[in-house]
PDB file of N, CA and C in Angstrom:
ATOM      1  N   MET A   1     -26.461  16.930  -2.125  1.00  0.00           N
ATOM      2  CA  MET A   1     -25.927  18.096  -1.463  1.00  0.00           C
ATOM      3  C   MET A   1     -26.264  19.320  -2.311  1.00  0.00           C
ATOM      4  N   LYS A   2     -26.913  20.272  -1.701  1.00  0.00           N
ATOM      5  CA  LYS A   2     -27.262  21.500  -2.409  1.00  0.00           C
ATOM      6  C   LYS A   2     -26.061  22.438  -2.373  1.00  0.00           C
ATOM      7  N   LEU A   3     -25.686  22.941  -3.523  1.00  0.00           N
ATOM      8  CA  LEU A   3     -24.534  23.826  -3.621  1.00  0.00           C
ATOM      9  C   LEU A   3     -24.930  25.250  -3.266  1.00  0.00           C
ATOM     10  N   PRO A   4     -24.023  25.982  -2.611  1.00  0.00           N
ATOM     11  CA  PRO A   4     -24.334  27.376  -2.277  1.00  0.00           C
ATOM     12  C   PRO A   4     -24.332  28.259  -3.519  1.00  0.00           C
ATOM     13  N   ALA A   5     -24.939  29.394  -3.404  1.00  0.00           N
ATOM     14  CA  ALA A   5     -24.999  30.345  -4.514  1.00  0.00           C
ATOM     15  C   ALA A   5     -23.608  30.902  -4.799  1.00  0.00           C
ATOM     16  N   ARG A   6     -23.368  31.225  -6.055  1.00  0.00           N
ATOM     17  CA  ARG A   6     -22.066  31.769  -6.442  1.00  0.00           C
ATOM     18  C   ARG A   6     -21.770  33.080  -5.717  1.00  0.00           C
ATOM     19  N   SER A   7     -22.801  33.881  -5.503  1.00  0.00           N
ATOM     20  CA  SER A   7     -22.597  35.159  -4.820  1.00  0.00           C
ATOM     21  C   SER A   7     -22.129  34.944  -3.383  1.00  0.00           C
ATOM     22  N   LEU A   8     -22.634  33.916  -2.721  1.00  0.00           N
ATOM     23  CA  LEU A   8     -22.203  33.614  -1.355  1.00  0.00           C
ATOM     24  C   LEU A   8     -20.741  33.194  -1.330  1.00  0.00           C
ATOM     25  N   ILE A   9     -20.342  32.368  -2.276  1.00  0.00           N
ATOM     26  CA  ILE A   9     -18.943  31.929  -2.330  1.00  0.00           C
ATOM     27  C   ILE A   9     -18.035  33.126  -2.573  1.00  0.00           C
ATOM     28  N   LYS A  10     -18.438  34.020  -3.471  1.00  0.00           N
ATOM     29  CA  LYS A  10     -17.628  35.209  -3.745  1.00  0.00           C
ATOM     30  C   LYS A  10     -17.487  36.073  -2.500  1.00  0.00           C
ATOM     31  N   LYS A  11     -18.570  36.239  -1.748  1.00  0.00           N
ATOM     32  CA  LYS A  11     -18.516  37.038  -0.525  1.00  0.00           C
ATOM     33  C   LYS A  11     -17.570  36.408   0.487  1.00  0.00           C
ATOM     34  N   LEU A  12     -17.634  35.087   0.640  1.00  0.00           N
ATOM     35  CA  LEU A  12     -16.768  34.415   1.599  1.00  0.00           C
ATOM     36  C   LEU A  12     -15.302  34.502   1.198  1.00  0.00           C
ATOM     37  N   VAL A  13     -15.016  34.362  -0.084  1.00  0.00           N
ATOM     38  CA  VAL A  13     -13.632  34.459  -0.551  1.00  0.00           C
ATOM     39  C   VAL A  13     -13.115  35.877  -0.361  1.00  0.00           C
ATOM     40  N   ARG A  14     -13.920  36.854  -0.716  1.00  0.00           N
ATOM     41  CA  ARG A  14     -13.502  38.254  -0.561  1.00  0.00           C
ATOM     42  C   ARG A  14     -13.282  38.620   0.900  1.00  0.00           C
ATOM     43  N   ALA A  15     -14.033  38.011   1.805  1.00  0.00           N
ATOM     44  CA  ALA A  15     -13.889  38.326   3.226  1.00  0.00           C
ATOM     45  C   ALA A  15     -12.531  37.872   3.769  1.00  0.00           C
ATOM     46  N   HIS A  16     -11.898  36.911   3.105  1.00  0.00           N
ATOM     47  CA  HIS A  16     -10.623  36.385   3.582  1.00  0.00           C
ATOM     48  C   HIS A  16      -9.432  36.922   2.796  1.00  0.00           C
ATOM     49  N   LEU A  17      -9.660  37.858   1.900  1.00  0.00           N
ATOM     50  CA  LEU A  17      -8.591  38.460   1.109  1.00  0.00           C
ATOM     51  C   LEU A  17      -8.396  39.912   1.502  1.00  0.00           C
ATOM     52  N   PRO A  18      -7.189  40.437   1.271  1.00  0.00           N
ATOM     53  CA  PRO A  18      -6.994  41.873   1.501  1.00  0.00           C
ATOM     54  C   PRO A  18      -7.905  42.684   0.570  1.00  0.00           C
ATOM     55  N   PRO A  19      -8.254  43.901   0.953  1.00  0.00           N
ATOM     56  CA  PRO A  19      -9.223  44.685   0.177  1.00  0.00           C
ATOM     57  C   PRO A  19      -8.761  45.048  -1.228  1.00  0.00           C
ATOM     58  N   ASN A  20      -7.463  45.099  -1.496  1.00  0.00           N
ATOM     59  CA  ASN A  20      -6.992  45.540  -2.802  1.00  0.00           C
ATOM     60  C   ASN A  20      -6.789  44.382  -3.796  1.00  0.00           C
ATOM     61  N   VAL A  21      -7.148  43.170  -3.438  1.00  0.00           N
ATOM     62  CA  VAL A  21      -6.983  42.021  -4.325  1.00  0.00           C
ATOM     63  C   VAL A  21      -8.239  41.851  -5.163  1.00  0.00           C
ATOM     64  N   ARG A  22      -8.055  41.681  -6.473  1.00  0.00           N
ATOM     65  CA  ARG A  22      -9.188  41.484  -7.377  1.00  0.00           C
ATOM     66  C   ARG A  22      -9.308  40.008  -7.718  1.00  0.00           C
ATOM     67  N   LEU A  23     -10.526  39.559  -7.885  1.00  0.00           N
ATOM     68  CA  LEU A  23     -10.795  38.172  -8.237  1.00  0.00           C
ATOM     69  C   LEU A  23     -11.208  38.065  -9.694  1.00  0.00           C
ATOM     70  N   SER A  24     -10.860  36.932 -10.301  1.00  0.00           N
ATOM     71  CA  SER A  24     -11.341  36.700 -11.659  1.00  0.00           C
ATOM     72  C   SER A  24     -12.820  36.337 -11.600  1.00  0.00           C
ATOM     73  N   LYS A  25     -13.472  36.341 -12.738  1.00  0.00           N
ATOM     74  CA  LYS A  25     -14.897  36.044 -12.776  1.00  0.00           C
ATOM     75  C   LYS A  25     -15.188  34.592 -12.398  1.00  0.00           C
ATOM     76  N   SER A  26     -14.212  33.708 -12.594  1.00  0.00           N
ATOM     77  CA  SER A  26     -14.446  32.288 -12.318  1.00  0.00           C
ATOM     78  C   SER A  26     -13.777  31.808 -11.030  1.00  0.00           C
ATOM     79  N   ALA A  27     -13.304  32.713 -10.195  1.00  0.00           N
ATOM     80  CA  ALA A  27     -12.616  32.324  -8.965  1.00  0.00           C
ATOM     81  C   ALA A  27     -13.527  31.519  -8.049  1.00  0.00           C
ATOM     82  N   ASP A  28     -14.787  31.883  -7.975  1.00  0.00           N
ATOM     83  CA  ASP A  28     -15.711  31.160  -7.103  1.00  0.00           C
ATOM     84  C   ASP A  28     -15.908  29.727  -7.583  1.00  0.00           C
ATOM     85  N   LEU A  29     -15.871  29.514  -8.888  1.00  0.00           N
ATOM     86  CA  LEU A  29     -16.010  28.156  -9.410  1.00  0.00           C
ATOM     87  C   LEU A  29     -14.802  27.300  -9.055  1.00  0.00           C
ATOM     88  N   TYR A  30     -13.614  27.898  -9.084  1.00  0.00           N
ATOM     89  CA  TYR A  30     -12.409  27.168  -8.695  1.00  0.00           C
ATOM     90  C   TYR A  30     -12.447  26.790  -7.216  1.00  0.00           C
ATOM     91  N   VAL A  31     -12.914  27.688  -6.384  1.00  0.00           N
ATOM     92  CA  VAL A  31     -13.028  27.409  -4.950  1.00  0.00           C
ATOM     93  C   VAL A  31     -14.029  26.285  -4.721  1.00  0.00           C
ATOM     94  N   LEU A  32     -15.163  26.333  -5.394  1.00  0.00           N
ATOM     95  CA  LEU A  32     -16.176  25.297  -5.255  1.00  0.00           C
ATOM     96  C   LEU A  32     -15.650  23.951  -5.748  1.00  0.00           C
ATOM     97  N   LEU A  33     -14.931  23.953  -6.857  1.00  0.00           N
ATOM     98  CA  LEU A  33     -14.361  22.724  -7.394  1.00  0.00           C
ATOM     99  C   LEU A  33     -13.337  22.134  -6.429  1.00  0.00           C
ATOM    100  N   ALA A  34     -12.491  22.962  -5.853  1.00  0.00           N
ATOM    101  CA  ALA A  34     -11.503  22.489  -4.887  1.00  0.00           C
ATOM    102  C   ALA A  34     -12.194  21.881  -3.668  1.00  0.00           C
ATOM    103  N   PHE A  35     -13.274  22.500  -3.214  1.00  0.00           N
ATOM    104  CA  PHE A  35     -14.024  21.976  -2.072  1.00  0.00           C
ATOM    105  C   PHE A  35     -14.640  20.621  -2.400  1.00  0.00           C
ATOM    106  N   LEU A  36     -15.225  20.490  -3.580  1.00  0.00           N
ATOM    107  CA  LEU A  36     -15.855  19.225  -3.965  1.00  0.00           C
ATOM    108  C   LEU A  36     -14.825  18.105  -4.120  1.00  0.00           C
ATOM    109  N   ILE A  37     -13.659  18.436  -4.649  1.00  0.00           N
ATOM    110  CA  ILE A  37     -12.598  17.432  -4.768  1.00  0.00           C
ATOM    111  C   ILE A  37     -12.132  17.001  -3.379  1.00  0.00           C
ATOM    112  N   TYR A  38     -11.995  17.952  -2.457  1.00  0.00           N
ATOM    113  CA  TYR A  38     -11.611  17.622  -1.085  1.00  0.00           C
ATOM    114  C   TYR A  38     -12.649  16.704  -0.441  1.00  0.00           C
ATOM    115  N   MET A  39     -13.926  17.017  -0.612  1.00  0.00           N
ATOM    116  CA  MET A  39     -14.978  16.187  -0.021  1.00  0.00           C
ATOM    117  C   MET A  39     -14.985  14.778  -0.611  1.00  0.00           C
ATOM    118  N   GLN A  40     -14.726  14.666  -1.905  1.00  0.00           N
ATOM    119  CA  GLN A  40     -14.676  13.360  -2.542  1.00  0.00           C
ATOM    120  C   GLN A  40     -13.507  12.538  -2.007  1.00  0.00           C
ATOM    121  N   ARG A  41     -12.341  13.151  -1.875  1.00  0.00           N
ATOM    122  CA  ARG A  41     -11.184  12.446  -1.326  1.00  0.00           C
ATOM    123  C   ARG A  41     -11.433  12.033   0.120  1.00  0.00           C
ATOM    124  N   LEU A  42     -12.071  12.903   0.895  1.00  0.00           N
ATOM    125  CA  LEU A  42     -12.380  12.589   2.285  1.00  0.00           C
ATOM    126  C   LEU A  42     -13.341  11.405   2.378  1.00  0.00           C
ATOM    127  N   ALA A  43     -14.350  11.392   1.532  1.00  0.00           N
ATOM    128  CA  ALA A  43     -15.315  10.290   1.535  1.00  0.00           C
ATOM    129  C   ALA A  43     -14.650   8.977   1.137  1.00  0.00           C
ATOM    130  N   ASN A  44     -13.790   9.017   0.127  1.00  0.00           N
ATOM    131  CA  ASN A  44     -13.107   7.799  -0.301  1.00  0.00           C
ATOM    132  C   ASN A  44     -12.175   7.259   0.773  1.00  0.00           C
ATOM    133  N   GLU A  45     -11.408   8.143   1.411  1.00  0.00           N
ATOM    134  CA  GLU A  45     -10.496   7.707   2.478  1.00  0.00           C
ATOM    135  C   GLU A  45     -11.272   7.151   3.667  1.00  0.00           C
ATOM    136  N   SER A  46     -12.395   7.773   4.004  1.00  0.00           N
ATOM    137  CA  SER A  46     -13.227   7.286   5.110  1.00  0.00           C
ATOM    138  C   SER A  46     -13.793   5.911   4.793  1.00  0.00           C
ATOM    139  N   ARG A  47     -14.224   5.726   3.572  1.00  0.00           N
ATOM    140  CA  ARG A  47     -14.757   4.429   3.143  1.00  0.00           C
ATOM    141  C   ARG A  47     -13.683   3.352   3.221  1.00  0.00           C
ATOM    142  N   LEU A  48     -12.476   3.680   2.780  1.00  0.00           N
ATOM    143  CA  LEU A  48     -11.379   2.707   2.830  1.00  0.00           C
ATOM    144  C   LEU A  48     -11.023   2.341   4.275  1.00  0.00           C
ATOM    145  N   ALA A  49     -11.014   3.335   5.171  1.00  0.00           N
ATOM    146  CA  ALA A  49     -10.726   3.061   6.577  1.00  0.00           C
ATOM    147  C   ALA A  49     -11.801   2.170   7.183  1.00  0.00           C
ATOM    148  N   HIS A  50     -13.053   2.420   6.824  1.00  0.00           N
ATOM    149  CA  HIS A  50     -14.152   1.591   7.315  1.00  0.00           C
ATOM    150  C   HIS A  50     -14.028   0.167   6.800  1.00  0.00           C
ATOM    151  N   GLN A  51     -13.711  -0.003   5.526  1.00  0.00           N
ATOM    152  CA  GLN A  51     -13.560  -1.335   4.955  1.00  0.00           C
ATOM    153  C   GLN A  51     -12.411  -2.089   5.609  1.00  0.00           C
ATOM    154  N   GLN A  52     -11.345  -1.390   5.918  1.00  0.00           N
ATOM    155  CA  GLN A  52     -10.210  -2.029   6.575  1.00  0.00           C
ATOM    156  C   GLN A  52     -10.592  -2.505   7.975  1.00  0.00           C
ATOM    157  N   ASP A  53     -11.319  -1.687   8.717  1.00  0.00           N
ATOM    158  CA  ASP A  53     -11.779  -2.092  10.042  1.00  0.00           C
ATOM    159  C   ASP A  53     -12.739  -3.274   9.947  1.00  0.00           C
ATOM    160  N   ALA A  54     -13.628  -3.252   8.974  1.00  0.00           N
ATOM    161  CA  ALA A  54     -14.595  -4.334   8.817  1.00  0.00           C
ATOM    162  C   ALA A  54     -13.896  -5.634   8.440  1.00  0.00           C
ATOM    163  N   SER A  55     -12.874  -5.545   7.608  1.00  0.00           N
ATOM    164  CA  SER A  55     -12.166  -6.762   7.214  1.00  0.00           C
ATOM    165  C   SER A  55     -11.318  -7.320   8.351  1.00  0.00           C
ATOM    166  N   ASN A  56     -10.907  -6.454   9.279  1.00  0.00           N
ATOM    167  CA  ASN A  56     -10.146  -6.913  10.444  1.00  0.00           C
ATOM    168  C   ASN A  56     -11.054  -7.433  11.546  1.00  0.00           C
ATOM    169  N   GLY A  57     -12.357  -7.324  11.357  1.00  0.00           N
ATOM    170  CA  GLY A  57     -13.307  -7.826  12.337  1.00  0.00           C
ATOM    171  C   GLY A  57     -13.454  -6.944  13.558  1.00  0.00           C
ATOM    172  N   LEU A  58     -13.188  -5.661  13.412  1.00  0.00           N
ATOM    173  CA  LEU A  58     -13.292  -4.733  14.536  1.00  0.00           C
ATOM    174  C   LEU A  58     -14.753  -4.550  14.914  1.00  0.00           C
ATOM    175  N   LYS A  59     -15.023  -4.540  16.217  1.00  0.00           N
ATOM    176  CA  LYS A  59     -16.406  -4.393  16.686  1.00  0.00           C
ATOM    177  C   LYS A  59     -16.938  -3.005  16.355  1.00  0.00           C
ATOM    178  N   GLY A  60     -18.221  -2.926  16.059  1.00  0.00           N
ATOM    179  CA  GLY A  60     -18.872  -1.643  15.798  1.00  0.00           C
ATOM    180  C   GLY A  60     -18.511  -1.066  14.448  1.00  0.00           C
ATOM    181  N   SER A  61     -18.176  -1.912  13.500  1.00  0.00           N
ATOM    182  CA  SER A  61     -17.774  -1.397  12.190  1.00  0.00           C
ATOM    183  C   SER A  61     -18.881  -1.570  11.156  1.00  0.00           C
ATOM    184  N   ALA A  62     -20.135  -1.452  11.600  1.00  0.00           N
ATOM    185  CA  ALA A  62     -21.264  -1.582  10.676  1.00  0.00           C
ATOM    186  C   ALA A  62     -21.433  -0.321   9.825  1.00  0.00           C
ATOM    187  N   THR A  63     -21.044   0.822  10.349  1.00  0.00           N
ATOM    188  CA  THR A  63     -21.165   2.081   9.613  1.00  0.00           C
ATOM    189  C   THR A  63     -19.860   2.862   9.730  1.00  0.00           C
ATOM    190  N   ILE A  64     -19.743   3.891   8.893  1.00  0.00           N
ATOM    191  CA  ILE A  64     -18.568   4.760   8.971  1.00  0.00           C
ATOM    192  C   ILE A  64     -18.702   5.607  10.228  1.00  0.00           C
ATOM    193  N   ALA A  65     -17.698   5.547  11.074  1.00  0.00           N
ATOM    194  CA  ALA A  65     -17.726   6.248  12.355  1.00  0.00           C
ATOM    195  C   ALA A  65     -16.903   7.532  12.274  1.00  0.00           C
ATOM    196  N   ARG A  66     -17.014   8.328  13.309  1.00  0.00           N
ATOM    197  CA  ARG A  66     -16.274   9.583  13.374  1.00  0.00           C
ATOM    198  C   ARG A  66     -14.771   9.333  13.325  1.00  0.00           C
ATOM    199  N   ARG A  67     -14.324   8.224  13.901  1.00  0.00           N
ATOM    200  CA  ARG A  67     -12.885   7.931  13.890  1.00  0.00           C
ATOM    201  C   ARG A  67     -12.377   7.691  12.469  1.00  0.00           C
ATOM    202  N   HIS A  68     -13.217   7.137  11.608  1.00  0.00           N
ATOM    203  CA  HIS A  68     -12.821   6.932  10.212  1.00  0.00           C
ATOM    204  C   HIS A  68     -12.645   8.275   9.504  1.00  0.00           C
ATOM    205  N   ILE A  69     -13.573   9.187   9.751  1.00  0.00           N
ATOM    206  CA  ILE A  69     -13.523  10.493   9.101  1.00  0.00           C
ATOM    207  C   ILE A  69     -12.350  11.313   9.623  1.00  0.00           C
ATOM    208  N   ASN A  70     -12.128  11.280  10.940  1.00  0.00           N
ATOM    209  CA  ASN A  70     -11.005  12.044  11.510  1.00  0.00           C
ATOM    210  C   ASN A  70      -9.668  11.509  11.012  1.00  0.00           C
ATOM    211  N   GLY A  71      -9.521  10.200  10.934  1.00  0.00           N
ATOM    212  CA  GLY A  71      -8.294   9.637  10.401  1.00  0.00           C
ATOM    213  C   GLY A  71      -8.093   9.980   8.941  1.00  0.00           C
ATOM    214  N   ALA A  72      -9.170   9.947   8.171  1.00  0.00           N
ATOM    215  CA  ALA A  72      -9.089  10.285   6.753  1.00  0.00           C
ATOM    216  C   ALA A  72      -8.753  11.761   6.580  1.00  0.00           C
ATOM    217  N   ARG A  73      -9.289  12.602   7.439  1.00  0.00           N
ATOM    218  CA  ARG A  73      -9.033  14.050   7.351  1.00  0.00           C
ATOM    219  C   ARG A  73      -7.550  14.350   7.533  1.00  0.00           C
ATOM    220  N   LYS A  74      -6.910  13.626   8.452  1.00  0.00           N
ATOM    221  CA  LYS A  74      -5.472  13.819   8.660  1.00  0.00           C
ATOM    222  C   LYS A  74      -4.663  13.378   7.440  1.00  0.00           C
ATOM    223  N   ARG A  75      -5.095  12.302   6.784  1.00  0.00           N
ATOM    224  CA  ARG A  75      -4.382  11.812   5.617  1.00  0.00           C
ATOM    225  C   ARG A  75      -4.621  12.682   4.390  1.00  0.00           C
ATOM    226  N   VAL A  76      -5.815  13.218   4.242  1.00  0.00           N
ATOM    227  CA  VAL A  76      -6.141  14.025   3.063  1.00  0.00           C
ATOM    228  C   VAL A  76      -5.470  15.386   3.131  1.00  0.00           C
ATOM    229  N   ARG A  77      -5.332  15.948   4.309  1.00  0.00           N
ATOM    230  CA  ARG A  77      -4.722  17.266   4.456  1.00  0.00           C
ATOM    231  C   ARG A  77      -3.284  17.296   3.964  1.00  0.00           C
ATOM    232  N   GLY A  78      -2.570  16.246   4.184  1.00  0.00           N
ATOM    233  CA  GLY A  78      -1.224  16.274   3.659  1.00  0.00           C
ATOM    234  C   GLY A  78      -0.296  15.586   4.531  1.00  0.00           C
TER     235      GLY A  78
END
């Protein structure tokens, strides 16, 4: 996965903040780190859901399906 440029992340973060809020120099790195941790948790939960379906003998469980990712997304969010 190719990571976006730091300047792009800063622009996106600033676009969602009020104009008078200042960011630290490393704010974009924290946002990127939080995103990568979220993606890792999502991938792990999706893998576990797929393994559970495969062990139960559910049909069509040769690959991770959209239902695995959607279920994992609900669990990872909170």
